[in-house]
Amino acid sequence: MNYYGVSRMKRFIIETQQWLNHRLRQLIWKRWKKVKTKYSMLRNYGINHDDAMKYANSRKGYWRISRSEVLHIAITKERLTKWGLKDISQLNESRYLKG
């Protein structure tokens, strides 16, 4: 991180953060096993009835659903950080501001 910090680290951190957010959305979606739970959680997070029904009843895989716009609206980056996920880019910036 010290040697490649300025040139390559920034892009690597952004890609890793995006992948982690995607993976966490997948795990959250997988944790909501039942259609009823998926529907009610999507409704709680502000998704309208039609979209919540469509995605809760979808037979698509977890990874594919976690890329959907609906799940990105329901589970935002801000919500993930509120739940305890650290933002890697902020950690990197704070590291270089100190040094």
PDB file of N, CA and C in Angstrom:
ATOM      1  N   MET A   1       0.828  -1.189   0.000  1.00  0.00           N
ATOM      2  CA  MET A   1       0.000   0.000   0.000  1.00  0.00           C
ATOM      3  C   MET A   1       0.874   1.255   0.000  1.00  0.00           C
ATOM      4  N   ASN A   2       2.017   1.183   0.632  1.00  0.00           N
ATOM      5  CA  ASN A   2       2.888   2.353   0.673  1.00  0.00           C
ATOM      6  C   ASN A   2       3.494   2.649  -0.699  1.00  0.00           C
ATOM      7  N   TYR A   3       3.988   1.622  -1.390  1.00  0.00           N
ATOM      8  CA  TYR A   3       4.680   1.840  -2.648  1.00  0.00           C
ATOM      9  C   TYR A   3       3.713   2.180  -3.784  1.00  0.00           C
ATOM     10  N   TYR A   4       2.640   1.393  -3.916  1.00  0.00           N
ATOM     11  CA  TYR A   4       1.681   1.593  -4.995  1.00  0.00           C
ATOM     12  C   TYR A   4       0.490   2.443  -4.574  1.00  0.00           C
ATOM     13  N   GLY A   5       0.569   3.066  -3.428  1.00  0.00           N
ATOM     14  CA  GLY A   5      -0.562   3.800  -2.867  1.00  0.00           C
ATOM     15  C   GLY A   5      -1.142   4.862  -3.758  1.00  0.00           C
ATOM     16  N   VAL A   6      -0.331   5.602  -4.446  1.00  0.00           N
ATOM     17  CA  VAL A   6      -0.826   6.713  -5.256  1.00  0.00           C
ATOM     18  C   VAL A   6      -1.341   6.221  -6.598  1.00  0.00           C
ATOM     19  N   SER A   7      -0.637   5.311  -7.238  1.00  0.00           N
ATOM     20  CA  SER A   7      -0.971   4.964  -8.611  1.00  0.00           C
ATOM     21  C   SER A   7      -2.036   3.884  -8.740  1.00  0.00           C
ATOM     22  N   ARG A   8      -1.813   2.732  -8.196  1.00  0.00           N
ATOM     23  CA  ARG A   8      -2.691   1.594  -8.458  1.00  0.00           C
ATOM     24  C   ARG A   8      -3.701   1.322  -7.353  1.00  0.00           C
ATOM     25  N   MET A   9      -3.435   1.771  -6.181  1.00  0.00           N
ATOM     26  CA  MET A   9      -4.271   1.415  -5.044  1.00  0.00           C
ATOM     27  C   MET A   9      -5.673   1.986  -5.141  1.00  0.00           C
ATOM     28  N   LYS A  10      -5.808   3.193  -5.654  1.00  0.00           N
ATOM     29  CA  LYS A  10      -7.111   3.846  -5.689  1.00  0.00           C
ATOM     30  C   LYS A  10      -8.104   3.039  -6.524  1.00  0.00           C
ATOM     31  N   ARG A  11      -7.716   2.628  -7.712  1.00  0.00           N
ATOM     32  CA  ARG A  11      -8.597   1.838  -8.582  1.00  0.00           C
ATOM     33  C   ARG A  11      -8.887   0.471  -7.955  1.00  0.00           C
ATOM     34  N   PHE A  12      -7.867  -0.148  -7.394  1.00  0.00           N
ATOM     35  CA  PHE A  12      -8.037  -1.440  -6.737  1.00  0.00           C
ATOM     36  C   PHE A  12      -9.031  -1.345  -5.582  1.00  0.00           C
ATOM     37  N   ILE A  13      -8.928  -0.294  -4.806  1.00  0.00           N
ATOM     38  CA  ILE A  13      -9.818  -0.105  -3.661  1.00  0.00           C
ATOM     39  C   ILE A  13     -11.249   0.108  -4.126  1.00  0.00           C
ATOM     40  N   ILE A  14     -11.441   0.888  -5.168  1.00  0.00           N
ATOM     41  CA  ILE A  14     -12.794   1.135  -5.692  1.00  0.00           C
ATOM     42  C   ILE A  14     -13.419  -0.164  -6.186  1.00  0.00           C
ATOM     43  N   GLU A  15     -12.658  -0.946  -6.957  1.00  0.00           N
ATOM     44  CA  GLU A  15     -13.173  -2.227  -7.468  1.00  0.00           C
ATOM     45  C   GLU A  15     -13.477  -3.197  -6.334  1.00  0.00           C
ATOM     46  N   THR A  16     -12.609  -3.250  -5.344  1.00  0.00           N
ATOM     47  CA  THR A  16     -12.825  -4.149  -4.207  1.00  0.00           C
ATOM     48  C   THR A  16     -14.047  -3.729  -3.403  1.00  0.00           C
ATOM     49  N   GLN A  17     -14.215  -2.434  -3.204  1.00  0.00           N
ATOM     50  CA  GLN A  17     -15.382  -1.930  -2.464  1.00  0.00           C
ATOM     51  C   GLN A  17     -16.680  -2.260  -3.206  1.00  0.00           C
ATOM     52  N   GLN A  18     -16.685  -2.099  -4.527  1.00  0.00           N
ATOM     53  CA  GLN A  18     -17.874  -2.422  -5.308  1.00  0.00           C
ATOM     54  C   GLN A  18     -18.196  -3.904  -5.214  1.00  0.00           C
ATOM     55  N   TRP A  19     -17.163  -4.762  -5.290  1.00  0.00           N
ATOM     56  CA  TRP A  19     -17.391  -6.193  -5.200  1.00  0.00           C
ATOM     57  C   TRP A  19     -17.919  -6.570  -3.813  1.00  0.00           C
ATOM     58  N   LEU A  20     -17.356  -5.963  -2.764  1.00  0.00           N
ATOM     59  CA  LEU A  20     -17.815  -6.250  -1.403  1.00  0.00           C
ATOM     60  C   LEU A  20     -19.276  -5.843  -1.206  1.00  0.00           C
ATOM     61  N   ASN A  21     -19.651  -4.670  -1.722  1.00  0.00           N
ATOM     62  CA  ASN A  21     -21.044  -4.236  -1.609  1.00  0.00           C
ATOM     63  C   ASN A  21     -21.972  -5.197  -2.349  1.00  0.00           C
ATOM     64  N   HIS A  22     -21.534  -5.632  -3.522  1.00  0.00           N
ATOM     65  CA  HIS A  22     -22.319  -6.593  -4.301  1.00  0.00           C
ATOM     66  C   HIS A  22     -22.490  -7.903  -3.530  1.00  0.00           C
ATOM     67  N   ARG A  23     -21.404  -8.377  -2.968  1.00  0.00           N
ATOM     68  CA  ARG A  23     -21.425  -9.640  -2.212  1.00  0.00           C
ATOM     69  C   ARG A  23     -22.307  -9.521  -0.963  1.00  0.00           C
ATOM     70  N   LEU A  24     -22.236  -8.394  -0.289  1.00  0.00           N
ATOM     71  CA  LEU A  24     -23.066  -8.210   0.900  1.00  0.00           C
ATOM     72  C   LEU A  24     -24.547  -8.145   0.545  1.00  0.00           C
ATOM     73  N   ARG A  25     -24.865  -7.480  -0.577  1.00  0.00           N
ATOM     74  CA  ARG A  25     -26.266  -7.472  -1.023  1.00  0.00           C
ATOM     75  C   ARG A  25     -26.736  -8.887  -1.328  1.00  0.00           C
ATOM     76  N   GLN A  26     -25.871  -9.689  -1.918  1.00  0.00           N
ATOM     77  CA  GLN A  26     -26.221 -11.074  -2.209  1.00  0.00           C
ATOM     78  C   GLN A  26     -26.475 -11.849  -0.920  1.00  0.00           C
ATOM     79  N   LEU A  27     -25.616 -11.680   0.056  1.00  0.00           N
ATOM     80  CA  LEU A  27     -25.783 -12.401   1.320  1.00  0.00           C
ATOM     81  C   LEU A  27     -27.046 -11.964   2.056  1.00  0.00           C
ATOM     82  N   ILE A  28     -27.352 -10.675   2.009  1.00  0.00           N
ATOM     83  CA  ILE A  28     -28.576 -10.184   2.640  1.00  0.00           C
ATOM     84  C   ILE A  28     -29.789 -10.766   1.940  1.00  0.00           C
ATOM     85  N   TRP A  29     -29.773 -10.766   0.605  1.00  0.00           N
ATOM     86  CA  TRP A  29     -30.880 -11.330  -0.169  1.00  0.00           C
ATOM     87  C   TRP A  29     -31.037 -12.814   0.134  1.00  0.00           C
ATOM     88  N   LYS A  30     -29.931 -13.526   0.286  1.00  0.00           N
ATOM     89  CA  LYS A  30     -29.962 -14.951   0.587  1.00  0.00           C
ATOM     90  C   LYS A  30     -30.507 -15.202   1.996  1.00  0.00           C
ATOM     91  N   ARG A  31     -30.206 -14.284   2.907  1.00  0.00           N
ATOM     92  CA  ARG A  31     -30.678 -14.436   4.282  1.00  0.00           C
ATOM     93  C   ARG A  31     -32.192 -14.290   4.376  1.00  0.00           C
ATOM     94  N   TRP A  32     -32.782 -13.501   3.480  1.00  0.00           N
ATOM     95  CA  TRP A  32     -34.236 -13.371   3.432  1.00  0.00           C
ATOM     96  C   TRP A  32     -34.777 -14.531   2.614  1.00  0.00           C
ATOM     97  N   LYS A  33     -34.878 -15.704   3.198  1.00  0.00           N
ATOM     98  CA  LYS A  33     -35.162 -16.927   2.463  1.00  0.00           C
ATOM     99  C   LYS A  33     -36.552 -16.970   1.833  1.00  0.00           C
ATOM    100  N   LYS A  34     -37.564 -16.610   2.578  1.00  0.00           N
ATOM    101  CA  LYS A  34     -38.934 -16.769   2.099  1.00  0.00           C
ATOM    102  C   LYS A  34     -39.366 -15.580   1.248  1.00  0.00           C
ATOM    103  N   VAL A  35     -40.296 -15.845   0.332  1.00  0.00           N
ATOM    104  CA  VAL A  35     -40.841 -14.799  -0.532  1.00  0.00           C
ATOM    105  C   VAL A  35     -41.501 -13.720   0.314  1.00  0.00           C
ATOM    106  N   LYS A  36     -42.202 -14.132   1.343  1.00  0.00           N
ATOM    107  CA  LYS A  36     -42.887 -13.182   2.228  1.00  0.00           C
ATOM    108  C   LYS A  36     -41.873 -12.239   2.899  1.00  0.00           C
ATOM    109  N   THR A  37     -40.758 -12.788   3.348  1.00  0.00           N
ATOM    110  CA  THR A  37     -39.730 -11.980   3.993  1.00  0.00           C
ATOM    111  C   THR A  37     -39.089 -11.020   2.995  1.00  0.00           C
ATOM    112  N   LYS A  38     -38.780 -11.525   1.800  1.00  0.00           N
ATOM    113  CA  LYS A  38     -38.188 -10.672   0.764  1.00  0.00           C
ATOM    114  C   LYS A  38     -39.121  -9.517   0.440  1.00  0.00           C
ATOM    115  N   TYR A  39     -40.395  -9.833   0.259  1.00  0.00           N
ATOM    116  CA  TYR A  39     -41.373  -8.801  -0.076  1.00  0.00           C
ATOM    117  C   TYR A  39     -41.478  -7.763   1.048  1.00  0.00           C
ATOM    118  N   SER A  40     -41.626  -8.222   2.280  1.00  0.00           N
ATOM    119  CA  SER A  40     -41.812  -7.281   3.387  1.00  0.00           C
ATOM    120  C   SER A  40     -40.564  -6.425   3.619  1.00  0.00           C
ATOM    121  N   MET A  41     -39.381  -6.989   3.468  1.00  0.00           N
ATOM    122  CA  MET A  41     -38.163  -6.208   3.655  1.00  0.00           C
ATOM    123  C   MET A  41     -37.988  -5.174   2.544  1.00  0.00           C
ATOM    124  N   LEU A  42     -38.305  -5.554   1.312  1.00  0.00           N
ATOM    125  CA  LEU A  42     -38.223  -4.589   0.216  1.00  0.00           C
ATOM    126  C   LEU A  42     -39.211  -3.454   0.428  1.00  0.00           C
ATOM    127  N   ARG A  43     -40.408  -3.776   0.899  1.00  0.00           N
ATOM    128  CA  ARG A  43     -41.407  -2.735   1.178  1.00  0.00           C
ATOM    129  C   ARG A  43     -40.938  -1.826   2.316  1.00  0.00           C
ATOM    130  N   ASN A  44     -40.316  -2.408   3.339  1.00  0.00           N
ATOM    131  CA  ASN A  44     -39.796  -1.607   4.458  1.00  0.00           C
ATOM    132  C   ASN A  44     -38.717  -0.634   4.005  1.00  0.00           C
ATOM    133  N   TYR A  45     -37.950  -1.019   2.982  1.00  0.00           N
ATOM    134  CA  TYR A  45     -36.865  -0.175   2.493  1.00  0.00           C
ATOM    135  C   TYR A  45     -37.294   0.731   1.350  1.00  0.00           C
ATOM    136  N   GLY A  46     -38.598   0.877   1.128  1.00  0.00           N
ATOM    137  CA  GLY A  46     -39.090   1.906   0.209  1.00  0.00           C
ATOM    138  C   GLY A  46     -39.344   1.476  -1.220  1.00  0.00           C
ATOM    139  N   ILE A  47     -39.400   0.199  -1.500  1.00  0.00           N
ATOM    140  CA  ILE A  47     -39.676  -0.283  -2.850  1.00  0.00           C
ATOM    141  C   ILE A  47     -41.192  -0.409  -3.019  1.00  0.00           C
ATOM    142  N   ASN A  48     -41.699   0.006  -4.182  1.00  0.00           N
ATOM    143  CA  ASN A  48     -43.152  -0.045  -4.395  1.00  0.00           C
ATOM    144  C   ASN A  48     -43.655  -1.484  -4.512  1.00  0.00           C
ATOM    145  N   HIS A  49     -44.972  -1.655  -4.429  1.00  0.00           N
ATOM    146  CA  HIS A  49     -45.595  -2.979  -4.369  1.00  0.00           C
ATOM    147  C   HIS A  49     -45.249  -3.839  -5.584  1.00  0.00           C
ATOM    148  N   ASP A  50     -45.372  -3.279  -6.778  1.00  0.00           N
ATOM    149  CA  ASP A  50     -45.158  -4.078  -7.990  1.00  0.00           C
ATOM    150  C   ASP A  50     -43.727  -4.588  -8.100  1.00  0.00           C
ATOM    151  N   ASP A  51     -42.762  -3.710  -7.871  1.00  0.00           N
ATOM    152  CA  ASP A  51     -41.359  -4.137  -7.949  1.00  0.00           C
ATOM    153  C   ASP A  51     -41.007  -5.117  -6.836  1.00  0.00           C
ATOM    154  N   ALA A  52     -41.522  -4.890  -5.648  1.00  0.00           N
ATOM    155  CA  ALA A  52     -41.248  -5.804  -4.533  1.00  0.00           C
ATOM    156  C   ALA A  52     -41.820  -7.186  -4.830  1.00  0.00           C
ATOM    157  N   MET A  53     -43.021  -7.239  -5.398  1.00  0.00           N
ATOM    158  CA  MET A  53     -43.624  -8.533  -5.756  1.00  0.00           C
ATOM    159  C   MET A  53     -42.821  -9.222  -6.840  1.00  0.00           C
ATOM    160  N   LYS A  54     -42.415  -8.446  -7.848  1.00  0.00           N
ATOM    161  CA  LYS A  54     -41.682  -9.015  -8.983  1.00  0.00           C
ATOM    162  C   LYS A  54     -40.356  -9.619  -8.527  1.00  0.00           C
ATOM    163  N   TYR A  55     -39.619  -8.903  -7.693  1.00  0.00           N
ATOM    164  CA  TYR A  55     -38.309  -9.395  -7.279  1.00  0.00           C
ATOM    165  C   TYR A  55     -38.397 -10.448  -6.183  1.00  0.00           C
ATOM    166  N   ALA A  56     -39.376 -10.350  -5.316  1.00  0.00           N
ATOM    167  CA  ALA A  56     -39.519 -11.359  -4.258  1.00  0.00           C
ATOM    168  C   ALA A  56     -39.885 -12.714  -4.843  1.00  0.00           C
ATOM    169  N   ASN A  57     -40.654 -12.714  -5.927  1.00  0.00           N
ATOM    170  CA  ASN A  57     -41.077 -13.960  -6.565  1.00  0.00           C
ATOM    171  C   ASN A  57     -40.162 -14.400  -7.697  1.00  0.00           C
ATOM    172  N   SER A  58     -39.064 -13.713  -7.907  1.00  0.00           N
ATOM    173  CA  SER A  58     -38.161 -14.035  -9.005  1.00  0.00           C
ATOM    174  C   SER A  58     -37.444 -15.358  -8.755  1.00  0.00           C
ATOM    175  N   ARG A  59     -37.227 -16.076  -9.844  1.00  0.00           N
ATOM    176  CA  ARG A  59     -36.488 -17.332  -9.749  1.00  0.00           C
ATOM    177  C   ARG A  59     -35.029 -17.158 -10.170  1.00  0.00           C
ATOM    178  N   LYS A  60     -34.618 -15.925 -10.364  1.00  0.00           N
ATOM    179  CA  LYS A  60     -33.228 -15.661 -10.733  1.00  0.00           C
ATOM    180  C   LYS A  60     -32.329 -15.906  -9.528  1.00  0.00           C
ATOM    181  N   GLY A  61     -31.075 -16.130  -9.796  1.00  0.00           N
ATOM    182  CA  GLY A  61     -30.121 -16.436  -8.738  1.00  0.00           C
ATOM    183  C   GLY A  61     -29.813 -15.247  -7.841  1.00  0.00           C
ATOM    184  N   TYR A  62     -29.215 -15.547  -6.709  1.00  0.00           N
ATOM    185  CA  TYR A  62     -28.909 -14.512  -5.726  1.00  0.00           C
ATOM    186  C   TYR A  62     -27.942 -13.466  -6.286  1.00  0.00           C
ATOM    187  N   TRP A  63     -26.912 -13.936  -6.993  1.00  0.00           N
ATOM    188  CA  TRP A  63     -25.903 -13.026  -7.512  1.00  0.00           C
ATOM    189  C   TRP A  63     -26.505 -12.086  -8.549  1.00  0.00           C
ATOM    190  N   ARG A  64     -27.375 -12.625  -9.380  1.00  0.00           N
ATOM    191  CA  ARG A  64     -27.991 -11.806 -10.427  1.00  0.00           C
ATOM    192  C   ARG A  64     -28.953 -10.778  -9.844  1.00  0.00           C
ATOM    193  N   ILE A  65     -29.744 -11.185  -8.867  1.00  0.00           N
ATOM    194  CA  ILE A  65     -30.678 -10.266  -8.230  1.00  0.00           C
ATOM    195  C   ILE A  65     -29.925  -9.168  -7.484  1.00  0.00           C
ATOM    196  N   SER A  66     -28.772  -9.508  -6.913  1.00  0.00           N
ATOM    197  CA  SER A  66     -28.032  -8.506  -6.145  1.00  0.00           C
ATOM    198  C   SER A  66     -27.471  -7.396  -7.030  1.00  0.00           C
ATOM    199  N   ARG A  67     -27.472  -7.586  -8.351  1.00  0.00           N
ATOM    200  CA  ARG A  67     -27.053  -6.538  -9.279  1.00  0.00           C
ATOM    201  C   ARG A  67     -28.216  -5.653  -9.712  1.00  0.00           C
ATOM    202  N   SER A  68     -29.422  -5.979  -9.301  1.00  0.00           N
ATOM    203  CA  SER A  68     -30.597  -5.254  -9.777  1.00  0.00           C
ATOM    204  C   SER A  68     -30.680  -3.857  -9.167  1.00  0.00           C
ATOM    205  N   GLU A  69     -31.336  -2.983  -9.895  1.00  0.00           N
ATOM    206  CA  GLU A  69     -31.497  -1.602  -9.445  1.00  0.00           C
ATOM    207  C   GLU A  69     -32.364  -1.533  -8.188  1.00  0.00           C
ATOM    208  N   VAL A  70     -33.347  -2.406  -8.110  1.00  0.00           N
ATOM    209  CA  VAL A  70     -34.250  -2.414  -6.960  1.00  0.00           C
ATOM    210  C   VAL A  70     -33.490  -2.710  -5.673  1.00  0.00           C
ATOM    211  N   LEU A  71     -32.618  -3.693  -5.712  1.00  0.00           N
ATOM    212  CA  LEU A  71     -31.855  -4.032  -4.507  1.00  0.00           C
ATOM    213  C   LEU A  71     -30.836  -2.941  -4.174  1.00  0.00           C
ATOM    214  N   HIS A  72     -30.309  -2.259  -5.188  1.00  0.00           N
ATOM    215  CA  HIS A  72     -29.396  -1.146  -4.934  1.00  0.00           C
ATOM    216  C   HIS A  72     -30.129   0.026  -4.296  1.00  0.00           C
ATOM    217  N   ILE A  73     -31.384   0.225  -4.662  1.00  0.00           N
ATOM    218  CA  ILE A  73     -32.179   1.281  -4.037  1.00  0.00           C
ATOM    219  C   ILE A  73     -32.527   0.901  -2.599  1.00  0.00           C
ATOM    220  N   ALA A  74     -32.857  -0.379  -2.391  1.00  0.00           N
ATOM    221  CA  ALA A  74     -33.245  -0.833  -1.051  1.00  0.00           C
ATOM    222  C   ALA A  74     -32.052  -0.878  -0.100  1.00  0.00           C
ATOM    223  N   ILE A  75     -30.939  -1.402  -0.568  1.00  0.00           N
ATOM    224  CA  ILE A  75     -29.753  -1.550   0.277  1.00  0.00           C
ATOM    225  C   ILE A  75     -28.667  -0.652  -0.297  1.00  0.00           C
ATOM    226  N   THR A  76     -28.649   0.585   0.138  1.00  0.00           N
ATOM    227  CA  THR A  76     -27.697   1.574  -0.368  1.00  0.00           C
ATOM    228  C   THR A  76     -26.350   1.438   0.329  1.00  0.00           C
ATOM    229  N   LYS A  77     -25.353   2.130  -0.208  1.00  0.00           N
ATOM    230  CA  LYS A  77     -24.034   2.144   0.433  1.00  0.00           C
ATOM    231  C   LYS A  77     -24.112   2.775   1.811  1.00  0.00           C
ATOM    232  N   GLU A  78     -24.951   3.796   1.944  1.00  0.00           N
ATOM    233  CA  GLU A  78     -25.110   4.450   3.247  1.00  0.00           C
ATOM    234  C   GLU A  78     -25.691   3.487   4.272  1.00  0.00           C
ATOM    235  N   ARG A  79     -26.643   2.678   3.853  1.00  0.00           N
ATOM    236  CA  ARG A  79     -27.241   1.706   4.764  1.00  0.00           C
ATOM    237  C   ARG A  79     -26.220   0.653   5.158  1.00  0.00           C
ATOM    238  N   LEU A  80     -25.391   0.224   4.218  1.00  0.00           N
ATOM    239  CA  LEU A  80     -24.359  -0.759   4.537  1.00  0.00           C
ATOM    240  C   LEU A  80     -23.353  -0.199   5.538  1.00  0.00           C
ATOM    241  N   THR A  81     -22.951   1.068   5.368  1.00  0.00           N
ATOM    242  CA  THR A  81     -22.020   1.661   6.326  1.00  0.00           C
ATOM    243  C   THR A  81     -22.677   1.872   7.683  1.00  0.00           C
ATOM    244  N   LYS A  82     -23.983   2.155   7.673  1.00  0.00           N
ATOM    245  CA  LYS A  82     -24.700   2.294   8.945  1.00  0.00           C
ATOM    246  C   LYS A  82     -24.737   0.970   9.697  1.00  0.00           C
ATOM    247  N   TRP A  83     -24.770  -0.127   8.942  1.00  0.00           N
ATOM    248  CA  TRP A  83     -24.786  -1.457   9.554  1.00  0.00           C
ATOM    249  C   TRP A  83     -23.405  -1.928   9.979  1.00  0.00           C
ATOM    250  N   GLY A  84     -22.359  -1.134   9.699  1.00  0.00           N
ATOM    251  CA  GLY A  84     -21.040  -1.478  10.218  1.00  0.00           C
ATOM    252  C   GLY A  84     -19.977  -1.752   9.177  1.00  0.00           C
ATOM    253  N   LEU A  85     -20.296  -1.685   7.883  1.00  0.00           N
ATOM    254  CA  LEU A  85     -19.286  -1.901   6.853  1.00  0.00           C
ATOM    255  C   LEU A  85     -18.379  -0.678   6.778  1.00  0.00           C
ATOM    256  N   LYS A  86     -17.098  -0.915   6.776  1.00  0.00           N
ATOM    257  CA  LYS A  86     -16.131   0.180   6.667  1.00  0.00           C
ATOM    258  C   LYS A  86     -15.926   0.512   5.190  1.00  0.00           C
ATOM    259  N   ASP A  87     -15.830   1.793   4.884  1.00  0.00           N
ATOM    260  CA  ASP A  87     -15.551   2.233   3.527  1.00  0.00           C
ATOM    261  C   ASP A  87     -14.043   2.229   3.335  1.00  0.00           C
ATOM    262  N   ILE A  88     -13.553   1.358   2.473  1.00  0.00           N
ATOM    263  CA  ILE A  88     -12.119   1.172   2.296  1.00  0.00           C
ATOM    264  C   ILE A  88     -11.463   2.431   1.747  1.00  0.00           C
ATOM    265  N   SER A  89     -12.150   3.125   0.847  1.00  0.00           N
ATOM    266  CA  SER A  89     -11.551   4.335   0.266  1.00  0.00           C
ATOM    267  C   SER A  89     -11.360   5.418   1.334  1.00  0.00           C
ATOM    268  N   GLN A  90     -12.288   5.535   2.267  1.00  0.00           N
ATOM    269  CA  GLN A  90     -12.123   6.504   3.347  1.00  0.00           C
ATOM    270  C   GLN A  90     -10.972   6.110   4.271  1.00  0.00           C
ATOM    271  N   LEU A  91     -10.833   4.819   4.525  1.00  0.00           N
ATOM    272  CA  LEU A  91      -9.706   4.353   5.344  1.00  0.00           C
ATOM    273  C   LEU A  91      -8.375   4.666   4.667  1.00  0.00           C
ATOM    274  N   ASN A  92      -8.325   4.470   3.346  1.00  0.00           N
ATOM    275  CA  ASN A  92      -7.102   4.755   2.600  1.00  0.00           C
ATOM    276  C   ASN A  92      -6.783   6.247   2.625  1.00  0.00           C
ATOM    277  N   GLU A  93      -7.803   7.095   2.428  1.00  0.00           N
ATOM    278  CA  GLU A  93      -7.589   8.537   2.446  1.00  0.00           C
ATOM    279  C   GLU A  93      -7.123   9.013   3.824  1.00  0.00           C
ATOM    280  N   SER A  94      -7.709   8.459   4.872  1.00  0.00           N
ATOM    281  CA  SER A  94      -7.297   8.868   6.212  1.00  0.00           C
ATOM    282  C   SER A  94      -5.864   8.420   6.497  1.00  0.00           C
ATOM    283  N   ARG A  95      -5.462   7.320   5.915  1.00  0.00           N
ATOM    284  CA  ARG A  95      -4.078   6.825   6.071  1.00  0.00           C
ATOM    285  C   ARG A  95      -3.095   7.799   5.459  1.00  0.00           C
ATOM    286  N   TYR A  96      -3.416   8.311   4.259  1.00  0.00           N
ATOM    287  CA  TYR A  96      -2.487   9.207   3.585  1.00  0.00           C
ATOM    288  C   TYR A  96      -2.557  10.629   4.086  1.00  0.00           C
ATOM    289  N   LEU A  97      -3.672  11.017   4.700  1.00  0.00           N
ATOM    290  CA  LEU A  97      -3.744  12.355   5.269  1.00  0.00           C
ATOM    291  C   LEU A  97      -2.889  12.462   6.527  1.00  0.00           C
ATOM    292  N   LYS A  98      -2.781  11.349   7.264  1.00  0.00           N
ATOM    293  CA  LYS A  98      -1.949  11.342   8.462  1.00  0.00           C
ATOM    294  C   LYS A  98      -0.466  11.374   8.111  1.00  0.00           C
ATOM    295  N   GLY A  99      -0.113  10.664   7.014  1.00  0.00           N
ATOM    296  CA  GLY A  99       1.302  10.513   6.654  1.00  0.00           C
ATOM    297  C   GLY A  99       1.798  11.646   5.898  1.00  0.00           C
TER     298      GLY A  99
END
